[in-house]
Amino acid sequence: MTESPERQMSEAVRYRTEGHVAIITLDRPEARNAVNGAIATGLEAAVDEMESDDSVWVGILTANTVGQDRPVFCAGMDLKALNSGEARASTTARGGFAGFVYRERRKPMIAAVDGLATAGGCELVLACDLVVASEQASFGLAEVKRNLVAAAGGLYRLPRAIGRAAAMEAILTGEPITAERAYQLGLVGRLTPAGDALRGALDLAEAIAQNAPLAVWASRAVVLASDDASDADLRAMSDAASLQMINSEDLHEGLTAFIEKRPPVWKGR
C-alpha cells in the first residue's frame, strides 16, 4: 500500500495518506485537542487536500491523545480563546466551526474516536459520515454547563443520529454517552478495544475504497439528502447519479472485471 509522508497542515493538524485513504490528525494533545485557529485553518486545508487529490477516495479524522491521562479526541472550542475574545478564529467562512462542520465535500469521512468527544468535539464527529470508536470513547454536548448551546450542528445532528429522546437527555444534562451506549443507539457503527479506533477506521475505509469511488460519492450524497429532501427530489438525485455511473469509464471496468472474474481497477472517472 502506498503511503505519503506526514505533513503539517498547521501547527495543530497533520495529514498523510495510505493508499486511497487520507488520515487527518488533530494534534493539540496538551490542550485536549481543543479547537483554536490553528486547528480550524489546518483542518480546512486538510479537507481541501483530500478533496483535490484524485487518488484519495475516503478520509479519516482522528486525534493525537499521547500523554493524556484520560484520552480526549476533542474537547470542543478552546474556552481560553473564547474567554479572551478570540472565538472567531476557530471558524472559517467555508467550513464553519473548526473549518469542518459545515464544509461541503464529496468524499466520505470516518471519525476514529479513542477518547472523549465533547461539545464541539462531538459536533466534529457528528459532521462525519461514519464513526468508529473504541470502548474508552464517549460523546457529549456539554455546552449547557457553560451557558452555551451546541450551535455547530449538534442540536439537530445528534437527534438524527440517536433519536430525539436520547439526544434531548444528553443535550439538556450535558452528560456524555458511553461508547457502548452510542453503539446501541446507532451513532457508532463499529466498536473496537481501547486504542484500536484508528485501526478499525482504516479497515472500514479500505473496505469502502475497494468499491467504485464515483458510485460511493454519489450514494453518499443521496443518503445525506434523505434527511430533508422530498421523495421526488431524492428520486431525481438517484436518477442523475445512475446516469453519471452509466456514462463513466468505471462502469465498463466493473462489468469487464466481473466477466473476467478479477478485482476491478477503479479510476474514479
C-alpha atoms as a PDB file:
ATOM      1  CA  MET A   1       0.000   0.000   0.000  1.00  0.00           C
ATOM      2  CA  THR A   2       1.392   3.397  -0.998  1.00  0.00           C
ATOM      3  CA  GLU A   3       1.909   5.808   1.887  1.00  0.00           C
ATOM      4  CA  SER A   4       2.744   9.506   1.755  1.00  0.00           C
ATOM      5  CA  PRO A   5       4.985  11.274   4.283  1.00  0.00           C
ATOM      6  CA  GLU A   6       3.024  13.000   7.015  1.00  0.00           C
ATOM      7  CA  ARG A   7       2.697  16.760   6.570  1.00  0.00           C
ATOM      8  CA  GLN A   8       1.769  19.588   8.902  1.00  0.00           C
ATOM      9  CA  MET A   9      -1.266  21.450   7.550  1.00  0.00           C
ATOM     10  CA  SER A  10      -0.872  23.798  10.515  1.00  0.00           C
ATOM     11  CA  GLU A  11       0.882  23.535  13.871  1.00  0.00           C
ATOM     12  CA  ALA A  12      -2.136  21.585  15.164  1.00  0.00           C
ATOM     13  CA  VAL A  13      -3.215  19.349  12.234  1.00  0.00           C
ATOM     14  CA  ARG A  14      -1.289  16.573  10.469  1.00  0.00           C
ATOM     15  CA  TYR A  15      -2.106  14.893   7.135  1.00  0.00           C
ATOM     16  CA  ARG A  16      -0.961  11.692   5.461  1.00  0.00           C
ATOM     17  CA  THR A  17      -2.318   9.085   3.074  1.00  0.00           C
ATOM     18  CA  GLU A  18      -2.341   5.305   2.979  1.00  0.00           C
ATOM     19  CA  GLY A  19      -3.412   4.033  -0.418  1.00  0.00           C
ATOM     20  CA  HIS A  20      -6.718   5.694  -1.248  1.00  0.00           C
ATOM     21  CA  VAL A  21      -7.273   6.861   2.354  1.00  0.00           C
ATOM     22  CA  ALA A  22      -6.403  10.263   3.838  1.00  0.00           C
ATOM     23  CA  ILE A  23      -5.715  10.382   7.588  1.00  0.00           C
ATOM     24  CA  ILE A  24      -6.213  13.768   9.241  1.00  0.00           C
ATOM     25  CA  THR A  25      -4.993  14.074  12.832  1.00  0.00           C
ATOM     26  CA  LEU A  26      -5.881  16.780  15.342  1.00  0.00           C
ATOM     27  CA  ASP A  27      -2.610  17.461  17.138  1.00  0.00           C
ATOM     28  CA  ARG A  28      -3.023  19.577  20.278  1.00  0.00           C
ATOM     29  CA  PRO A  29      -2.907  16.805  22.897  1.00  0.00           C
ATOM     30  CA  GLU A  30      -1.583  19.205  25.539  1.00  0.00           C
ATOM     31  CA  ALA A  31      -4.818  21.226  25.146  1.00  0.00           C
ATOM     32  CA  ARG A  32      -7.115  18.171  24.836  1.00  0.00           C
ATOM     33  CA  ASN A  33      -7.242  18.903  21.082  1.00  0.00           C
ATOM     34  CA  ALA A  34      -9.450  21.913  21.749  1.00  0.00           C
ATOM     35  CA  VAL A  35     -10.304  23.887  18.633  1.00  0.00           C
ATOM     36  CA  ASN A  36      -8.419  27.129  18.053  1.00  0.00           C
ATOM     37  CA  GLY A  37      -7.390  28.996  14.923  1.00  0.00           C
ATOM     38  CA  ALA A  38      -4.603  26.531  14.115  1.00  0.00           C
ATOM     39  CA  ILE A  39      -6.993  23.591  14.131  1.00  0.00           C
ATOM     40  CA  ALA A  40      -9.612  25.461  12.086  1.00  0.00           C
ATOM     41  CA  THR A  41      -7.209  26.558   9.358  1.00  0.00           C
ATOM     42  CA  GLY A  42      -5.333  23.256   9.372  1.00  0.00           C
ATOM     43  CA  LEU A  43      -8.444  21.102   9.213  1.00  0.00           C
ATOM     44  CA  GLU A  44      -9.876  23.161   6.367  1.00  0.00           C
ATOM     45  CA  ALA A  45      -6.569  22.870   4.496  1.00  0.00           C
ATOM     46  CA  ALA A  46      -6.500  19.104   5.082  1.00  0.00           C
ATOM     47  CA  VAL A  47     -10.003  18.666   3.671  1.00  0.00           C
ATOM     48  CA  ASP A  48      -9.016  20.831   0.692  1.00  0.00           C
ATOM     49  CA  GLU A  49      -6.082  18.494   0.085  1.00  0.00           C
ATOM     50  CA  MET A  50      -8.243  15.386   0.416  1.00  0.00           C
ATOM     51  CA  GLU A  51     -10.915  16.686  -1.923  1.00  0.00           C
ATOM     52  CA  SER A  52      -8.446  17.817  -4.606  1.00  0.00           C
ATOM     53  CA  ASP A  53      -6.386  14.601  -4.639  1.00  0.00           C
ATOM     54  CA  ASP A  54      -7.890  12.238  -7.219  1.00  0.00           C
ATOM     55  CA  SER A  55      -6.077   9.282  -5.656  1.00  0.00           C
ATOM     56  CA  VAL A  56      -7.808   9.789  -2.284  1.00  0.00           C
ATOM     57  CA  TRP A  57     -11.313   8.346  -2.035  1.00  0.00           C
ATOM     58  CA  VAL A  58     -12.041   8.220   1.717  1.00  0.00           C
ATOM     59  CA  GLY A  59     -10.927  10.271   4.727  1.00  0.00           C
ATOM     60  CA  ILE A  60     -10.412   9.561   8.423  1.00  0.00           C
ATOM     61  CA  LEU A  61     -10.494  12.195  11.169  1.00  0.00           C
ATOM     62  CA  THR A  62      -8.618  11.157  14.297  1.00  0.00           C
ATOM     63  CA  ALA A  63      -6.728  12.802  17.162  1.00  0.00           C
ATOM     64  CA  ASN A  64      -3.431  12.575  18.994  1.00  0.00           C
ATOM     65  CA  THR A  65      -4.051  11.579  22.629  1.00  0.00           C
ATOM     66  CA  VAL A  66      -0.415  10.825  23.570  1.00  0.00           C
ATOM     67  CA  GLY A  67       0.425  11.899  27.111  1.00  0.00           C
ATOM     68  CA  GLN A  68      -3.180  12.434  28.186  1.00  0.00           C
ATOM     69  CA  ASP A  69      -4.199  10.784  31.464  1.00  0.00           C
ATOM     70  CA  ARG A  70      -7.752  10.474  30.147  1.00  0.00           C
ATOM     71  CA  PRO A  71      -7.784  10.348  26.342  1.00  0.00           C
ATOM     72  CA  VAL A  72      -9.685  13.214  24.695  1.00  0.00           C
ATOM     73  CA  PHE A  73     -10.469  13.168  20.986  1.00  0.00           C
ATOM     74  CA  CYS A  74     -11.514  16.819  21.151  1.00  0.00           C
ATOM     75  CA  ALA A  75     -12.782  18.975  23.998  1.00  0.00           C
ATOM     76  CA  GLY A  76     -14.551  21.394  21.660  1.00  0.00           C
ATOM     77  CA  MET A  77     -13.797  25.077  21.378  1.00  0.00           C
ATOM     78  CA  ASP A  78     -10.741  26.331  23.244  1.00  0.00           C
ATOM     79  CA  LEU A  79     -12.508  28.086  26.136  1.00  0.00           C
ATOM     80  CA  LYS A  80      -9.435  30.200  26.868  1.00  0.00           C
ATOM     81  CA  ALA A  81      -9.674  31.593  23.341  1.00  0.00           C
ATOM     82  CA  LEU A  82     -13.413  32.122  23.804  1.00  0.00           C
ATOM     83  CA  ASN A  83     -12.905  33.947  27.100  1.00  0.00           C
ATOM     84  CA  SER A  84     -10.246  36.206  25.575  1.00  0.00           C
ATOM     85  CA  GLY A  85     -12.465  37.169  22.647  1.00  0.00           C
ATOM     86  CA  GLU A  86     -10.653  35.049  20.053  1.00  0.00           C
ATOM     87  CA  ALA A  87     -13.526  32.671  19.274  1.00  0.00           C
ATOM     88  CA  ARG A  88     -13.886  33.909  15.686  1.00  0.00           C
ATOM     89  CA  ALA A  89     -10.530  32.339  14.800  1.00  0.00           C
ATOM     90  CA  SER A  90     -12.000  28.880  15.440  1.00  0.00           C
ATOM     91  CA  THR A  91     -14.336  29.182  12.430  1.00  0.00           C
ATOM     92  CA  THR A  92     -13.839  29.626   8.702  1.00  0.00           C
ATOM     93  CA  ALA A  93     -16.134  31.063   6.065  1.00  0.00           C
ATOM     94  CA  ARG A  94     -16.495  27.771   4.169  1.00  0.00           C
ATOM     95  CA  GLY A  95     -16.385  25.241   6.964  1.00  0.00           C
ATOM     96  CA  GLY A  96     -17.852  26.980   9.980  1.00  0.00           C
ATOM     97  CA  PHE A  97     -16.628  25.735  13.345  1.00  0.00           C
ATOM     98  CA  ALA A  98     -13.180  24.110  13.129  1.00  0.00           C
ATOM     99  CA  GLY A  99     -13.247  24.714   9.379  1.00  0.00           C
ATOM    100  CA  PHE A 100     -15.206  21.489   9.104  1.00  0.00           C
ATOM    101  CA  VAL A 101     -18.729  21.113  10.498  1.00  0.00           C
ATOM    102  CA  TYR A 102     -20.489  22.795   7.553  1.00  0.00           C
ATOM    103  CA  ARG A 103     -17.879  22.087   4.905  1.00  0.00           C
ATOM    104  CA  GLU A 104     -19.306  20.649   1.673  1.00  0.00           C
ATOM    105  CA  ARG A 105     -17.349  17.676   0.332  1.00  0.00           C
ATOM    106  CA  ARG A 106     -17.767  14.705  -1.985  1.00  0.00           C
ATOM    107  CA  LYS A 107     -15.763  12.120  -0.125  1.00  0.00           C
ATOM    108  CA  PRO A 108     -16.895  10.195   2.944  1.00  0.00           C
ATOM    109  CA  MET A 109     -15.203  10.938   6.259  1.00  0.00           C
ATOM    110  CA  ILE A 110     -14.859   8.440   9.105  1.00  0.00           C
ATOM    111  CA  ALA A 111     -14.342   9.664  12.678  1.00  0.00           C
ATOM    112  CA  ALA A 112     -11.906   7.443  14.595  1.00  0.00           C
ATOM    113  CA  VAL A 113     -12.609   8.253  18.253  1.00  0.00           C
ATOM    114  CA  ASP A 114     -10.443   6.869  21.034  1.00  0.00           C
ATOM    115  CA  GLY A 115     -11.418   9.148  23.906  1.00  0.00           C
ATOM    116  CA  LEU A 116     -13.877  11.837  24.956  1.00  0.00           C
ATOM    117  CA  ALA A 117     -15.550  13.851  22.166  1.00  0.00           C
ATOM    118  CA  THR A 118     -17.434  16.616  23.893  1.00  0.00           C
ATOM    119  CA  ALA A 119     -19.131  19.869  22.906  1.00  0.00           C
ATOM    120  CA  GLY A 120     -17.599  20.995  19.600  1.00  0.00           C
ATOM    121  CA  GLY A 121     -15.588  17.789  19.563  1.00  0.00           C
ATOM    122  CA  CYS A 122     -18.796  15.795  19.405  1.00  0.00           C
ATOM    123  CA  GLU A 123     -20.006  18.146  16.680  1.00  0.00           C
ATOM    124  CA  LEU A 124     -16.908  17.297  14.641  1.00  0.00           C
ATOM    125  CA  VAL A 125     -17.837  13.617  14.980  1.00  0.00           C
ATOM    126  CA  LEU A 126     -21.453  14.309  14.001  1.00  0.00           C
ATOM    127  CA  ALA A 127     -20.246  16.125  10.858  1.00  0.00           C
ATOM    128  CA  CYS A 128     -18.500  12.931   9.714  1.00  0.00           C
ATOM    129  CA  ASP A 129     -20.315  10.230   7.764  1.00  0.00           C
ATOM    130  CA  LEU A 130     -19.308   7.192   9.825  1.00  0.00           C
ATOM    131  CA  VAL A 131     -17.971   6.668  13.333  1.00  0.00           C
ATOM    132  CA  VAL A 132     -15.569   4.036  14.637  1.00  0.00           C
ATOM    133  CA  ALA A 133     -14.994   4.304  18.379  1.00  0.00           C
ATOM    134  CA  SER A 134     -13.034   2.436  20.989  1.00  0.00           C
ATOM    135  CA  GLU A 135     -14.520   1.254  24.259  1.00  0.00           C
ATOM    136  CA  GLN A 136     -12.891   4.195  26.059  1.00  0.00           C
ATOM    137  CA  ALA A 137     -14.620   6.777  23.852  1.00  0.00           C
ATOM    138  CA  SER A 138     -17.597   8.862  24.942  1.00  0.00           C
ATOM    139  CA  PHE A 139     -19.726  11.546  23.308  1.00  0.00           C
ATOM    140  CA  GLY A 140     -21.429  14.576  24.781  1.00  0.00           C
ATOM    141  CA  LEU A 141     -22.755  18.066  24.205  1.00  0.00           C
ATOM    142  CA  ALA A 142     -21.743  19.798  27.418  1.00  0.00           C
ATOM    143  CA  GLU A 143     -22.480  23.368  26.308  1.00  0.00           C
ATOM    144  CA  VAL A 144     -25.319  23.884  28.812  1.00  0.00           C
ATOM    145  CA  LYS A 145     -22.774  23.502  31.608  1.00  0.00           C
ATOM    146  CA  ARG A 146     -21.075  26.713  30.351  1.00  0.00           C
ATOM    147  CA  ASN A 147     -24.210  28.693  29.413  1.00  0.00           C
ATOM    148  CA  LEU A 148     -23.634  27.892  25.728  1.00  0.00           C
ATOM    149  CA  VAL A 149     -25.576  25.970  23.082  1.00  0.00           C
ATOM    150  CA  ALA A 150     -24.295  23.385  20.607  1.00  0.00           C
ATOM    151  CA  ALA A 151     -24.620  25.721  17.631  1.00  0.00           C
ATOM    152  CA  ALA A 152     -22.220  23.876  15.300  1.00  0.00           C
ATOM    153  CA  GLY A 153     -24.779  21.282  14.233  1.00  0.00           C
ATOM    154  CA  GLY A 154     -25.081  19.257  17.417  1.00  0.00           C
ATOM    155  CA  LEU A 155     -28.626  20.314  18.319  1.00  0.00           C
ATOM    156  CA  TYR A 156     -30.068  18.762  15.165  1.00  0.00           C
ATOM    157  CA  ARG A 157     -27.472  16.202  14.107  1.00  0.00           C
ATOM    158  CA  LEU A 158     -27.477  14.318  17.414  1.00  0.00           C
ATOM    159  CA  PRO A 159     -31.276  13.728  17.340  1.00  0.00           C
ATOM    160  CA  ARG A 160     -30.960  12.483  13.766  1.00  0.00           C
ATOM    161  CA  ALA A 161     -28.207  10.087  14.827  1.00  0.00           C
ATOM    162  CA  ILE A 162     -29.660   8.630  18.049  1.00  0.00           C
ATOM    163  CA  GLY A 163     -33.300   9.703  18.218  1.00  0.00           C
ATOM    164  CA  ARG A 164     -34.950  12.663  19.935  1.00  0.00           C
ATOM    165  CA  ALA A 165     -35.431  11.233  23.421  1.00  0.00           C
ATOM    166  CA  ALA A 166     -31.841  10.097  23.928  1.00  0.00           C
ATOM    167  CA  ALA A 167     -30.489  13.261  22.317  1.00  0.00           C
ATOM    168  CA  MET A 168     -32.692  15.542  24.409  1.00  0.00           C
ATOM    169  CA  GLU A 169     -31.418  13.915  27.593  1.00  0.00           C
ATOM    170  CA  ALA A 170     -27.799  14.225  26.521  1.00  0.00           C
ATOM    171  CA  ILE A 171     -28.199  17.840  25.408  1.00  0.00           C
ATOM    172  CA  LEU A 172     -30.127  19.075  28.464  1.00  0.00           C
ATOM    173  CA  THR A 173     -27.985  17.286  31.065  1.00  0.00           C
ATOM    174  CA  GLY A 174     -24.679  17.821  29.293  1.00  0.00           C
ATOM    175  CA  GLU A 175     -23.635  14.336  30.385  1.00  0.00           C
ATOM    176  CA  PRO A 176     -21.634  12.138  27.971  1.00  0.00           C
ATOM    177  CA  ILE A 177     -22.875   8.983  26.285  1.00  0.00           C
ATOM    178  CA  THR A 178     -20.613   5.958  26.657  1.00  0.00           C
ATOM    179  CA  ALA A 179     -19.200   4.242  23.588  1.00  0.00           C
ATOM    180  CA  GLU A 180     -21.291   1.128  24.211  1.00  0.00           C
ATOM    181  CA  ARG A 181     -24.486   3.182  24.536  1.00  0.00           C
ATOM    182  CA  ALA A 182     -23.581   5.216  21.424  1.00  0.00           C
ATOM    183  CA  TYR A 183     -23.099   1.944  19.559  1.00  0.00           C
ATOM    184  CA  GLN A 184     -26.502   0.666  20.711  1.00  0.00           C
ATOM    185  CA  LEU A 185     -28.152   3.937  19.641  1.00  0.00           C
ATOM    186  CA  GLY A 186     -26.533   3.919  16.202  1.00  0.00           C
ATOM    187  CA  LEU A 187     -24.140   6.849  16.480  1.00  0.00           C
ATOM    188  CA  VAL A 188     -21.164   4.481  16.416  1.00  0.00           C
ATOM    189  CA  GLY A 189     -21.034   1.980  13.572  1.00  0.00           C
ATOM    190  CA  ARG A 190     -18.063  -0.086  14.768  1.00  0.00           C
ATOM    191  CA  LEU A 191     -16.777  -0.555  18.311  1.00  0.00           C
ATOM    192  CA  THR A 192     -13.158  -1.544  18.984  1.00  0.00           C
ATOM    193  CA  PRO A 193     -10.964  -2.276  22.015  1.00  0.00           C
ATOM    194  CA  ALA A 194      -9.247   0.723  23.616  1.00  0.00           C
ATOM    195  CA  GLY A 195      -6.506   2.100  21.397  1.00  0.00           C
ATOM    196  CA  ASP A 196      -7.780   0.430  18.223  1.00  0.00           C
ATOM    197  CA  ALA A 197     -10.187   3.041  16.828  1.00  0.00           C
ATOM    198  CA  LEU A 198      -7.831   4.204  14.077  1.00  0.00           C
ATOM    199  CA  ARG A 199      -7.074   0.628  13.018  1.00  0.00           C
ATOM    200  CA  GLY A 200     -10.799  -0.072  12.896  1.00  0.00           C
ATOM    201  CA  ALA A 201     -11.393   3.076  10.853  1.00  0.00           C
ATOM    202  CA  LEU A 202      -8.645   2.096   8.423  1.00  0.00           C
ATOM    203  CA  ASP A 203     -10.232  -1.331   7.966  1.00  0.00           C
ATOM    204  CA  LEU A 204     -13.579   0.330   7.213  1.00  0.00           C
ATOM    205  CA  ALA A 205     -12.015   2.906   4.882  1.00  0.00           C
ATOM    206  CA  GLU A 206     -10.190   0.197   2.958  1.00  0.00           C
ATOM    207  CA  ALA A 207     -13.439  -1.763   2.580  1.00  0.00           C
ATOM    208  CA  ILE A 208     -15.120   1.347   1.154  1.00  0.00           C
ATOM    209  CA  ALA A 209     -12.150   2.069  -1.127  1.00  0.00           C
ATOM    210  CA  GLN A 210     -12.491  -1.351  -2.756  1.00  0.00           C
ATOM    211  CA  ASN A 211     -15.658  -0.058  -4.400  1.00  0.00           C
ATOM    212  CA  ALA A 212     -16.105   2.335  -7.312  1.00  0.00           C
ATOM    213  CA  PRO A 213     -15.442   5.833  -5.923  1.00  0.00           C
ATOM    214  CA  LEU A 214     -17.918   7.616  -8.197  1.00  0.00           C
ATOM    215  CA  ALA A 215     -20.691   5.319  -7.002  1.00  0.00           C
ATOM    216  CA  VAL A 216     -19.625   5.733  -3.350  1.00  0.00           C
ATOM    217  CA  TRP A 217     -19.635   9.527  -3.575  1.00  0.00           C
ATOM    218  CA  ALA A 218     -22.962   9.686  -5.421  1.00  0.00           C
ATOM    219  CA  SER A 219     -24.590   7.258  -2.987  1.00  0.00           C
ATOM    220  CA  ARG A 220     -23.345   9.287  -0.016  1.00  0.00           C
ATOM    221  CA  ALA A 221     -24.880  12.454  -1.457  1.00  0.00           C
ATOM    222  CA  VAL A 222     -28.332  10.864  -1.832  1.00  0.00           C
ATOM    223  CA  VAL A 223     -28.245   9.358   1.674  1.00  0.00           C
ATOM    224  CA  LEU A 224     -27.354  12.746   3.180  1.00  0.00           C
ATOM    225  CA  ALA A 225     -30.103  14.477   1.215  1.00  0.00           C
ATOM    226  CA  SER A 226     -32.666  11.976   2.521  1.00  0.00           C
ATOM    227  CA  ASP A 227     -32.790  13.867   5.842  1.00  0.00           C
ATOM    228  CA  ASP A 228     -34.545  16.851   4.271  1.00  0.00           C
ATOM    229  CA  ALA A 229     -35.377  16.363   0.587  1.00  0.00           C
ATOM    230  CA  SER A 230     -38.726  15.220  -0.793  1.00  0.00           C
ATOM    231  CA  ASP A 231     -39.163  11.804  -2.358  1.00  0.00           C
ATOM    232  CA  ALA A 232     -39.398  13.467  -5.762  1.00  0.00           C
ATOM    233  CA  ASP A 233     -36.100  15.291  -5.256  1.00  0.00           C
ATOM    234  CA  LEU A 234     -34.430  12.126  -3.992  1.00  0.00           C
ATOM    235  CA  ARG A 235     -35.677  10.178  -6.988  1.00  0.00           C
ATOM    236  CA  ALA A 236     -34.261  12.863  -9.294  1.00  0.00           C
ATOM    237  CA  MET A 237     -30.914  12.735  -7.472  1.00  0.00           C
ATOM    238  CA  SER A 238     -30.832   8.935  -7.700  1.00  0.00           C
ATOM    239  CA  ASP A 239     -31.661   9.023 -11.412  1.00  0.00           C
ATOM    240  CA  ALA A 240     -28.944  11.615 -12.052  1.00  0.00           C
ATOM    241  CA  ALA A 241     -26.425   9.539 -10.100  1.00  0.00           C
ATOM    242  CA  SER A 242     -27.367   6.433 -12.059  1.00  0.00           C
ATOM    243  CA  LEU A 243     -26.906   8.292 -15.365  1.00  0.00           C
ATOM    244  CA  GLN A 244     -23.492   9.503 -14.203  1.00  0.00           C
ATOM    245  CA  MET A 245     -22.460   5.898 -13.478  1.00  0.00           C
ATOM    246  CA  ILE A 246     -23.712   4.686 -16.869  1.00  0.00           C
ATOM    247  CA  ASN A 247     -21.606   7.331 -18.635  1.00  0.00           C
ATOM    248  CA  SER A 248     -18.443   6.622 -16.623  1.00  0.00           C
ATOM    249  CA  GLU A 249     -15.319   4.667 -17.557  1.00  0.00           C
ATOM    250  CA  ASP A 250     -15.569   2.743 -14.303  1.00  0.00           C
ATOM    251  CA  LEU A 251     -18.861   1.097 -15.314  1.00  0.00           C
ATOM    252  CA  HIS A 252     -17.133  -0.637 -18.219  1.00  0.00           C
ATOM    253  CA  GLU A 253     -14.270  -1.638 -15.917  1.00  0.00           C
ATOM    254  CA  GLY A 254     -16.643  -3.021 -13.291  1.00  0.00           C
ATOM    255  CA  LEU A 255     -18.560  -5.116 -15.815  1.00  0.00           C
ATOM    256  CA  THR A 256     -15.374  -6.328 -17.513  1.00  0.00           C
ATOM    257  CA  ALA A 257     -13.810  -7.298 -14.182  1.00  0.00           C
ATOM    258  CA  PHE A 258     -16.947  -9.236 -13.238  1.00  0.00           C
ATOM    259  CA  ILE A 259     -16.903 -11.135 -16.548  1.00  0.00           C
ATOM    260  CA  GLU A 260     -13.165 -11.807 -16.273  1.00  0.00           C
ATOM    261  CA  LYS A 261     -13.501 -12.835 -12.597  1.00  0.00           C
ATOM    262  CA  ARG A 262     -10.867 -10.384 -11.331  1.00  0.00           C
ATOM    263  CA  PRO A 263     -10.838  -7.415  -8.948  1.00  0.00           C
ATOM    264  CA  PRO A 264     -11.729  -4.152 -10.714  1.00  0.00           C
ATOM    265  CA  VAL A 265      -9.172  -1.377 -11.083  1.00  0.00           C
ATOM    266  CA  TRP A 266     -11.146   1.787 -10.436  1.00  0.00           C
ATOM    267  CA  LYS A 267     -10.132   5.142 -11.917  1.00  0.00           C
ATOM    268  CA  GLY A 268     -12.760   7.389 -10.383  1.00  0.00           C
ATOM    269  CA  ARG A 269     -13.921   8.647 -13.755  1.00  0.00           C
END
